[in-house]
Amino acid sequence: MALKTSSCRLLFKFIHQGVVAPLAAQNALRSVLGCSSTRGYYNSGKPSYAGPGRAAHVRVVDLRSDTVTKPGPAMRQAMAEAEVGDDVMGEDPTVNELQKIAADMFGMEAALFVPSGTMSNLIAVMVHCRERGDEVIVGDLSHLHIYEQGGSAQLAGVHSTTVTTLPDGTFDLEQLESKIRHGYPDPHYPRSRLVCVENTHNIQGGRVLPLAFLQEVRALADRYGLSVHMDGARVMNAAVAQGVPPSAILQHTDTVSVCLSKGLGAPVGTVLAGPKDFISRAVRCRKALGGGMRQAGILAADGKLSLQNMIGRLEEDHGNAKTFAQALLDCNPNLFAVDLAAVETNILRFRLQDLSLSPREFCDHMAQVSESEEAALGQGIQVLMYPHFGNSVRAVWHLGISPEDTQLAIQKMQFVVSQHVMENIRAQ
């Protein structure tokens, strides 16, 4: 259905028709969703249907992450028909082909297929920082620093120092330079080896790193003999947003980790790419971490399909995210704070300006389905999203979310707002 997103017209319709019911208790879904901290969104489960029992009338719009995508018929067929071999022995032809495709696309000499982005980033740190006590410089809001369990220190013996992540995902270059250790081999200091950047930047809302910033980081790193690694889990989103091939971005880095299982839609896998000698050492680290898979071509077949067929469609995800962001801005009353210029890719981060409604409560209400909602809308709509870092809400678009799904999410948001307004009126 075509829904207007220029304002919250449904708000007044719901109030005037008397179909707005009181909000459910604030903690109604906490036992289902789980209690997550402002920094955590991976520890919350998918809420079950909370309505009056007409589950067939409930539409689910899952905006928790682009990791929730499921392989479609083409991917399942590719898996079934994949030619396989023992990848640990370098004999899986489908894995080898995927690695060749990725290396060429990224403008790198070689590539390695690994199970996950976390493992890929850890391998990169292990290879670049070869001695225990070496140091990596990362943004303080980077995925590698916050969400990967401190694996660099825990497993690799590599120390991390942080620079302040700016709202656009970059960091101040003077501060970066001040973090570089100049005293090695003085026994008091670790040795600076590596600078890590993240593109797009997850916590800051899918921000795209400017090419000029990457060029300056690379020049600074070269000046001090450091390497540059990019956590490019969503670098394809960045390439689409900037209208450039990924190699134009990655020319400013030594190595990159690119997830296939996010916006590109594969069920499993990440590609780590860089110089041939780097990848040779990365193979050893992958084995030590338990990432050496055997007939991995079954998974690599989907990765090939992702790189060859799924990049162009990322623009649709970006457009859907902007559509929802605009609907938040157009809502009357003005409940949401959104920087529309910062909505560059498929991740939307927004805040609630009404202190009587927290991000957790808003997400709970978006996931609930009431009888009054089904009566007003003709169906129940569950929209799944997470309270996120910095007292905000995070929503992520992906291939499982169509423009129609986005309009349904807008409709549900408008209904939740109407309920909240009515509750405030009754409380006066």
Protein backbone atom coordinates (compact mmCIF):
# COMPACT_ATOMS: atom_id res chain seq x y z
CA MET A 1 0.00 0.00 0.00
CA ALA A 2 1.15 3.52 -0.61
CA LEU A 3 1.39 5.55 2.56
CA LYS A 4 2.18 9.24 2.81
CA THR A 5 5.20 9.90 4.96
CA SER A 6 5.09 13.68 4.99
CA SER A 7 3.41 13.82 8.42
CA CYS A 8 1.84 11.68 11.13
CA ARG A 9 -1.69 12.03 9.75
CA LEU A 10 -2.70 8.74 11.31
CA LEU A 11 -2.09 10.22 14.76
CA PHE A 12 -5.17 12.41 14.66
CA LYS A 13 -7.25 9.78 12.90
CA PHE A 14 -6.57 7.28 15.66
CA ILE A 15 -7.36 9.80 18.41
CA HIS A 16 -10.55 11.09 16.82
CA GLN A 17 -11.89 7.62 16.09
CA GLY A 18 -11.26 6.56 19.66
CA VAL A 19 -9.24 3.51 18.75
CA VAL A 20 -6.18 4.44 20.79
CA ALA A 21 -5.80 2.12 23.74
CA PRO A 22 -3.54 2.76 26.73
CA LEU A 23 0.04 1.62 26.34
CA ALA A 24 0.98 -1.75 27.78
CA ALA A 25 3.21 -1.86 30.80
CA GLN A 26 6.71 -0.59 30.11
CA ASN A 27 8.33 -3.90 30.98
CA ALA A 28 5.95 -6.13 29.00
CA LEU A 29 8.58 -7.38 26.56
CA ARG A 30 11.72 -7.12 28.67
CA SER A 31 11.60 -10.80 29.48
CA VAL A 32 11.43 -11.60 25.76
CA LEU A 33 13.76 -8.98 24.35
CA GLY A 34 16.30 -9.19 27.15
CA CYS A 35 17.87 -6.26 28.97
CA SER A 36 20.66 -4.79 26.92
CA SER A 37 23.05 -2.04 27.88
CA THR A 38 23.38 1.09 25.80
CA ARG A 39 26.43 -0.45 24.19
CA GLY A 40 24.88 -3.82 23.48
CA TYR A 41 22.45 -4.94 20.86
CA TYR A 42 23.58 -8.48 20.19
CA ASN A 43 22.21 -9.80 23.50
CA SER A 44 18.55 -9.13 22.75
CA GLY A 45 16.42 -11.93 21.37
CA LYS A 46 13.69 -11.70 18.78
CA PRO A 47 10.41 -10.92 20.53
CA SER A 48 7.54 -13.33 20.11
CA TYR A 49 4.07 -12.28 18.99
CA ALA A 50 2.48 -10.38 21.87
CA GLY A 51 -0.97 -9.71 20.43
CA PRO A 52 -4.39 -11.24 21.07
CA GLY A 53 -3.77 -14.38 19.05
CA ARG A 54 -4.37 -13.54 15.40
CA ALA A 55 -0.77 -14.25 14.41
CA ALA A 56 -1.74 -14.70 10.77
CA HIS A 57 -2.51 -10.96 10.64
CA VAL A 58 0.86 -9.89 11.97
CA ARG A 59 3.57 -8.57 9.65
CA VAL A 60 7.11 -8.61 11.02
CA VAL A 61 9.59 -5.96 9.89
CA ASP A 62 12.96 -6.97 11.29
CA LEU A 63 15.27 -3.95 11.49
CA ARG A 64 17.58 -5.31 14.18
CA SER A 65 20.53 -5.84 11.83
CA ASP A 66 21.47 -6.68 8.26
CA THR A 67 22.83 -9.95 9.66
CA VAL A 68 19.29 -11.40 9.84
CA THR A 69 19.04 -11.92 6.07
CA LYS A 70 18.28 -15.43 4.86
CA PRO A 71 19.54 -17.08 1.66
CA GLY A 72 17.01 -17.09 -1.12
CA PRO A 73 16.45 -19.74 -3.81
CA ALA A 74 19.44 -18.66 -5.92
CA MET A 75 21.83 -18.91 -2.98
CA ARG A 76 20.43 -22.26 -1.88
CA GLN A 77 20.84 -23.57 -5.39
CA ALA A 78 24.42 -22.27 -5.53
CA MET A 79 25.17 -24.07 -2.27
CA ALA A 80 23.67 -27.31 -3.53
CA GLU A 81 25.62 -27.21 -6.78
CA ALA A 82 28.95 -25.92 -5.46
CA GLU A 83 32.07 -27.80 -6.49
CA VAL A 84 34.05 -28.44 -3.33
CA GLY A 85 37.38 -29.70 -2.05
CA ASP A 86 39.48 -29.45 1.11
CA ASP A 87 40.07 -25.76 1.61
CA VAL A 88 42.67 -26.30 4.37
CA MET A 89 44.71 -27.99 1.67
CA GLY A 90 43.92 -25.15 -0.73
CA GLU A 91 41.89 -27.52 -2.91
CA ASP A 92 38.37 -26.11 -2.78
CA PRO A 93 37.82 -24.59 -6.24
CA THR A 94 34.83 -22.50 -5.20
CA VAL A 95 36.69 -20.96 -2.29
CA ASN A 96 39.66 -20.26 -4.52
CA GLU A 97 37.43 -18.59 -7.08
CA LEU A 98 35.75 -16.46 -4.42
CA GLN A 99 39.12 -15.33 -3.12
CA LYS A 100 40.28 -14.42 -6.62
CA ILE A 101 37.09 -12.46 -7.34
CA ALA A 102 37.39 -10.57 -4.05
CA ALA A 103 41.08 -9.75 -4.46
CA ASP A 104 40.49 -8.36 -7.95
CA MET A 105 37.46 -6.35 -6.83
CA PHE A 106 39.29 -4.87 -3.84
CA GLY A 107 42.47 -4.11 -5.76
CA MET A 108 44.47 -6.42 -3.47
CA GLU A 109 47.03 -9.09 -4.30
CA ALA A 110 45.30 -11.92 -2.47
CA ALA A 111 42.34 -12.78 -0.26
CA LEU A 112 41.28 -15.36 2.32
CA PHE A 113 37.81 -16.69 3.14
CA VAL A 114 37.19 -16.85 6.90
CA PRO A 115 34.10 -17.70 8.97
CA SER A 116 33.41 -14.29 10.52
CA GLY A 117 34.31 -10.62 10.61
CA THR A 118 35.49 -10.86 14.20
CA MET A 119 37.95 -13.59 13.28
CA SER A 120 39.03 -11.68 10.19
CA ASN A 121 39.82 -8.53 12.17
CA LEU A 122 41.66 -10.55 14.80
CA ILE A 123 43.75 -12.27 12.15
CA ALA A 124 44.63 -8.88 10.66
CA VAL A 125 45.81 -7.62 14.04
CA MET A 126 47.80 -10.81 14.64
CA VAL A 127 49.58 -10.60 11.30
CA HIS A 128 50.30 -6.87 11.41
CA CYS A 129 51.36 -6.97 15.08
CA ARG A 130 53.68 -9.96 15.14
CA GLU A 131 55.07 -9.61 18.64
CA ARG A 132 53.25 -9.68 21.95
CA GLY A 133 53.22 -6.15 23.31
CA ASP A 134 52.80 -4.51 19.92
CA GLU A 135 50.06 -1.88 19.76
CA VAL A 136 47.09 -1.12 17.52
CA ILE A 137 45.44 2.32 17.39
CA VAL A 138 41.63 2.19 17.07
CA GLY A 139 38.65 4.50 17.41
CA ASP A 140 37.07 4.36 20.85
CA LEU A 141 33.66 3.57 19.31
CA SER A 142 34.94 1.05 16.78
CA HIS A 143 33.43 -2.40 16.45
CA LEU A 144 36.87 -3.93 16.88
CA HIS A 145 37.31 -2.15 20.21
CA ILE A 146 33.82 -2.57 21.69
CA TYR A 147 32.13 -5.62 20.21
CA GLU A 148 34.91 -8.15 19.62
CA GLN A 149 35.59 -9.07 23.26
CA GLY A 150 39.04 -7.55 23.32
CA GLY A 151 40.35 -10.43 21.27
CA SER A 152 43.46 -8.48 20.27
CA ALA A 153 44.60 -8.49 23.91
CA GLN A 154 42.90 -11.69 25.01
CA LEU A 155 44.20 -13.93 22.25
CA ALA A 156 46.95 -12.05 20.42
CA GLY A 157 48.69 -10.21 23.26
CA VAL A 158 48.34 -6.95 21.35
CA HIS A 159 47.71 -3.73 23.26
CA SER A 160 45.11 -1.23 22.04
CA THR A 161 45.10 2.53 22.41
CA THR A 162 42.15 4.61 21.34
CA VAL A 163 41.45 7.88 19.59
CA THR A 164 38.13 9.69 19.93
CA THR A 165 35.62 8.69 17.28
CA LEU A 166 33.97 11.76 15.76
CA PRO A 167 30.28 11.82 14.75
CA ASP A 168 31.13 11.05 11.11
CA GLY A 169 33.22 7.99 12.04
CA THR A 170 36.57 9.72 11.51
CA PHE A 171 39.03 10.88 14.14
CA ASP A 172 41.30 13.86 14.61
CA LEU A 173 44.60 13.28 12.85
CA GLU A 174 46.59 15.31 15.37
CA GLN A 175 45.22 13.14 18.14
CA LEU A 176 46.05 10.06 16.09
CA GLU A 177 49.61 11.23 15.66
CA SER A 178 49.90 11.91 19.40
CA LYS A 179 49.02 8.28 20.09
CA ILE A 180 51.89 6.87 18.06
CA ARG A 181 54.67 5.59 20.34
CA HIS A 182 58.07 7.00 19.49
CA GLY A 183 60.08 5.47 22.34
CA TYR A 184 60.55 1.88 21.07
CA PRO A 185 62.71 -0.05 21.99
CA ASP A 186 62.55 1.72 25.37
CA PRO A 187 61.27 -1.10 27.63
CA HIS A 188 58.51 1.11 29.04
CA TYR A 189 56.47 1.33 25.83
CA PRO A 190 54.62 -0.94 23.46
CA ARG A 191 55.45 -0.57 19.78
CA SER A 192 52.89 1.11 17.51
CA ARG A 193 52.27 -1.14 14.52
CA LEU A 194 48.79 -0.65 13.13
CA VAL A 195 45.98 1.89 12.64
CA CYS A 196 42.46 0.51 12.22
CA VAL A 197 39.58 2.39 10.61
CA GLU A 198 35.94 1.30 10.22
CA ASN A 199 33.91 1.89 7.05
CA THR A 200 30.98 2.26 7.22
CA HIS A 201 31.00 3.16 10.89
CA ASN A 202 28.51 1.02 12.79
CA ILE A 203 27.90 2.87 16.06
CA GLN A 204 27.86 6.28 14.40
CA GLY A 205 25.00 5.20 12.16
CA GLY A 206 26.52 3.75 9.01
CA ARG A 207 28.68 6.80 8.28
CA VAL A 208 30.92 6.69 5.23
CA LEU A 209 34.55 7.68 5.72
CA PRO A 210 35.57 10.44 3.31
CA LEU A 211 38.24 9.43 0.81
CA ALA A 212 40.30 12.48 1.76
CA PHE A 213 40.37 11.32 5.39
CA LEU A 214 41.54 7.84 4.38
CA GLN A 215 44.25 9.37 2.21
CA GLU A 216 45.47 11.47 5.14
CA VAL A 217 45.45 8.50 7.51
CA ARG A 218 47.48 6.50 5.05
CA ALA A 219 50.00 9.33 4.58
CA LEU A 220 50.40 9.67 8.36
CA ALA A 221 50.82 5.92 8.81
CA ASP A 222 53.42 5.79 6.04
CA ARG A 223 55.33 8.60 7.71
CA TYR A 224 55.74 6.52 10.85
CA GLY A 225 56.04 3.09 9.29
CA LEU A 226 52.60 1.86 10.40
CA SER A 227 50.12 -0.30 8.52
CA VAL A 228 46.44 0.56 7.96
CA HIS A 229 43.70 -2.04 8.28
CA MET A 230 40.06 -1.35 7.46
CA ASP A 231 37.22 -3.09 9.21
CA GLY A 232 35.20 -2.90 6.04
CA ALA A 233 32.31 -5.05 7.17
CA ARG A 234 30.02 -2.72 5.19
CA VAL A 235 32.54 -1.15 2.84
CA MET A 236 30.33 -2.12 -0.10
CA ASN A 237 27.66 0.16 1.31
CA ALA A 238 30.30 2.90 1.44
CA ALA A 239 31.30 2.28 -2.18
CA VAL A 240 27.69 2.46 -3.35
CA ALA A 241 27.05 5.62 -1.32
CA GLN A 242 30.14 7.32 -2.76
CA GLY A 243 29.58 6.02 -6.27
CA VAL A 244 33.06 4.52 -6.54
CA PRO A 245 34.43 0.98 -6.89
CA PRO A 246 35.64 -0.56 -3.61
CA SER A 247 39.21 -0.45 -4.89
CA ALA A 248 39.03 3.36 -4.90
CA ILE A 249 38.44 3.23 -1.14
CA LEU A 250 40.83 0.40 -0.37
CA GLN A 251 43.79 1.89 -2.21
CA HIS A 252 44.37 3.83 1.01
CA THR A 253 44.64 0.71 3.20
CA ASP A 254 47.06 -2.19 3.43
CA THR A 255 44.40 -4.75 4.30
CA VAL A 256 40.62 -5.02 4.58
CA SER A 257 38.00 -7.29 6.11
CA VAL A 258 34.71 -7.41 4.15
CA CYS A 259 31.63 -9.21 5.47
CA LEU A 260 29.53 -11.20 3.03
CA SER A 261 26.82 -11.95 5.59
CA LYS A 262 25.45 -8.43 6.13
CA GLY A 263 23.97 -6.31 3.35
CA LEU A 264 25.33 -8.68 0.72
CA GLY A 265 23.04 -11.38 2.06
CA ALA A 266 25.25 -14.47 2.32
CA PRO A 267 24.54 -16.66 5.36
CA VAL A 268 28.17 -16.95 6.51
CA GLY A 269 31.58 -15.57 5.78
CA THR A 270 34.03 -12.72 5.50
CA VAL A 271 36.88 -12.04 3.10
CA LEU A 272 40.23 -10.77 4.39
CA ALA A 273 42.38 -9.23 1.67
CA GLY A 274 45.85 -7.73 1.37
CA PRO A 275 49.37 -8.43 0.06
CA LYS A 276 50.32 -12.03 -0.75
CA ASP A 277 52.77 -12.35 2.13
CA PHE A 278 50.14 -11.00 4.52
CA ILE A 279 47.58 -13.57 3.36
CA SER A 280 50.18 -16.34 3.63
CA ARG A 281 50.63 -15.52 7.31
CA ALA A 282 46.88 -15.02 7.72
CA VAL A 283 46.31 -18.64 6.66
CA ARG A 284 48.42 -19.79 9.62
CA CYS A 285 46.51 -17.54 12.04
CA ARG A 286 43.17 -18.73 10.69
CA LYS A 287 44.20 -22.31 11.34
CA ALA A 288 45.31 -21.51 14.89
CA LEU A 289 41.97 -19.85 15.62
CA GLY A 290 40.00 -22.84 14.36
CA GLY A 291 38.84 -21.12 11.19
CA GLY A 292 40.24 -23.64 8.73
CA MET A 293 37.13 -25.21 7.18
CA ARG A 294 37.14 -28.18 4.86
CA GLN A 295 34.57 -28.32 2.05
CA ALA A 296 33.86 -24.63 2.55
CA GLY A 297 32.85 -24.15 -1.08
CA ILE A 298 29.25 -24.72 -0.02
CA LEU A 299 29.48 -21.39 1.82
CA ALA A 300 31.84 -19.68 -0.61
CA ALA A 301 29.33 -20.23 -3.41
CA ASP A 302 26.98 -17.81 -1.70
CA GLY A 303 29.84 -15.38 -1.20
CA LYS A 304 30.52 -15.38 -4.93
CA LEU A 305 26.88 -14.68 -5.63
CA SER A 306 26.92 -11.83 -3.13
CA LEU A 307 29.90 -10.09 -4.69
CA GLN A 308 28.68 -10.60 -8.22
CA ASN A 309 24.96 -9.84 -7.85
CA MET A 310 24.12 -8.14 -4.57
CA ILE A 311 26.16 -4.93 -4.48
CA GLY A 312 23.95 -2.83 -6.76
CA ARG A 313 20.83 -3.44 -4.70
CA LEU A 314 22.39 -1.85 -1.58
CA GLU A 315 21.17 1.50 -2.89
CA GLU A 316 17.60 0.36 -2.20
CA ASP A 317 18.48 -0.22 1.45
CA HIS A 318 19.96 3.27 1.68
CA GLY A 319 16.83 4.76 0.17
CA ASN A 320 14.52 2.89 2.54
CA ALA A 321 16.51 4.07 5.54
CA LYS A 322 16.21 7.68 4.37
CA THR A 323 12.47 7.26 3.83
CA PHE A 324 11.98 6.12 7.41
CA ALA A 325 14.26 8.87 8.71
CA GLN A 326 12.22 11.50 6.87
CA ALA A 327 9.02 10.08 8.35
CA LEU A 328 10.51 10.46 11.83
CA LEU A 329 11.33 14.09 11.11
CA ASP A 330 7.88 14.77 9.67
CA CYS A 331 6.11 13.34 12.68
CA ASN A 332 3.93 15.77 14.61
CA PRO A 333 4.46 16.12 17.54
CA ASN A 334 8.19 16.33 17.07
CA LEU A 335 9.19 13.27 19.10
CA PHE A 336 12.37 12.25 17.28
CA ALA A 337 15.79 13.78 16.75
CA VAL A 338 17.28 12.75 13.40
CA ASP A 339 20.21 14.15 11.45
CA LEU A 340 19.01 13.40 7.94
CA ALA A 341 22.37 14.37 6.42
CA ALA A 342 24.00 11.64 8.53
CA VAL A 343 21.77 8.90 7.06
CA GLU A 344 24.25 7.91 4.39
CA THR A 345 23.73 4.16 4.09
CA ASN A 346 21.48 1.43 5.53
CA ILE A 347 21.90 2.19 9.24
CA LEU A 348 19.68 4.74 10.95
CA ARG A 349 20.36 6.02 14.43
CA PHE A 350 17.86 8.37 16.06
CA ARG A 351 16.96 9.70 19.49
CA LEU A 352 13.71 10.33 21.31
CA GLN A 353 13.28 13.89 22.50
CA ASP A 354 10.44 13.14 24.93
CA LEU A 355 12.00 12.08 28.23
CA SER A 356 8.81 10.22 29.18
CA LEU A 357 9.51 7.64 26.45
CA SER A 358 12.90 5.90 26.55
CA PRO A 359 14.54 4.11 23.60
CA ARG A 360 13.90 0.78 25.31
CA GLU A 361 10.22 1.57 25.81
CA PHE A 362 9.84 2.78 22.24
CA CYS A 363 11.38 -0.44 20.90
CA ASP A 364 9.14 -2.50 23.17
CA HIS A 365 6.03 -0.72 21.87
CA MET A 366 7.15 -1.12 18.26
CA ALA A 367 7.37 -4.88 18.83
CA GLN A 368 4.00 -5.24 20.58
CA VAL A 369 0.71 -5.83 18.79
CA SER A 370 -2.55 -4.81 20.46
CA GLU A 371 -6.21 -5.35 19.59
CA SER A 372 -6.64 -1.62 19.04
CA GLU A 373 -3.80 -1.64 16.53
CA GLU A 374 -5.30 -4.50 14.54
CA ALA A 375 -8.68 -2.76 14.61
CA ALA A 376 -7.19 0.50 13.38
CA LEU A 377 -4.72 -0.82 10.82
CA GLY A 378 -6.39 -4.03 9.74
CA GLN A 379 -3.38 -6.04 10.82
CA GLY A 380 -0.70 -6.19 13.44
CA ILE A 381 2.77 -4.89 12.63
CA GLN A 382 5.80 -5.92 14.64
CA VAL A 383 8.83 -3.73 14.02
CA LEU A 384 11.99 -5.06 15.61
CA MET A 385 14.80 -2.63 16.42
CA TYR A 386 17.22 -2.07 19.27
CA PRO A 387 17.97 0.63 21.81
CA HIS A 388 21.54 1.52 21.04
CA PHE A 389 24.66 3.37 22.04
CA GLY A 390 24.26 6.86 23.50
CA ASN A 391 20.58 6.53 24.46
CA SER A 392 19.53 6.16 20.83
CA VAL A 393 17.63 3.66 18.69
CA ARG A 394 19.27 1.77 15.84
CA ALA A 395 17.47 0.38 12.81
CA VAL A 396 19.14 -1.36 9.86
CA TRP A 397 17.73 -1.99 6.38
CA HIS A 398 18.65 -5.02 4.28
CA LEU A 399 17.48 -7.20 1.43
CA GLY A 400 14.70 -8.66 3.58
CA ILE A 401 13.05 -5.24 3.93
CA SER A 402 11.13 -3.92 0.94
CA PRO A 403 9.78 -0.41 0.37
CA GLU A 404 6.37 -1.77 1.42
CA ASP A 405 7.88 -3.10 4.65
CA THR A 406 9.37 0.34 5.26
CA GLN A 407 5.95 1.94 4.86
CA LEU A 408 4.51 -0.58 7.32
CA ALA A 409 7.24 0.36 9.80
CA ILE A 410 6.30 4.02 9.34
CA GLN A 411 2.65 3.20 9.92
CA LYS A 412 3.52 1.35 13.13
CA MET A 413 5.71 4.22 14.30
CA GLN A 414 2.84 6.65 13.76
CA PHE A 415 0.50 4.41 15.73
CA VAL A 416 2.96 4.14 18.63
CA VAL A 417 3.32 7.90 18.67
CA SER A 418 -0.47 8.31 18.72
CA GLN A 419 -0.72 6.01 21.72
CA HIS A 420 2.01 7.90 23.53
CA VAL A 421 0.33 11.25 22.89
CA MET A 422 -2.99 9.93 24.13
CA GLU A 423 -1.37 8.60 27.28
CA ASN A 424 0.14 12.01 27.96
CA ILE A 425 -3.25 13.67 27.45
CA ARG A 426 -4.88 11.30 29.89
CA ALA A 427 -2.15 11.89 32.43
CA GLN A 428 -2.73 15.65 32.48
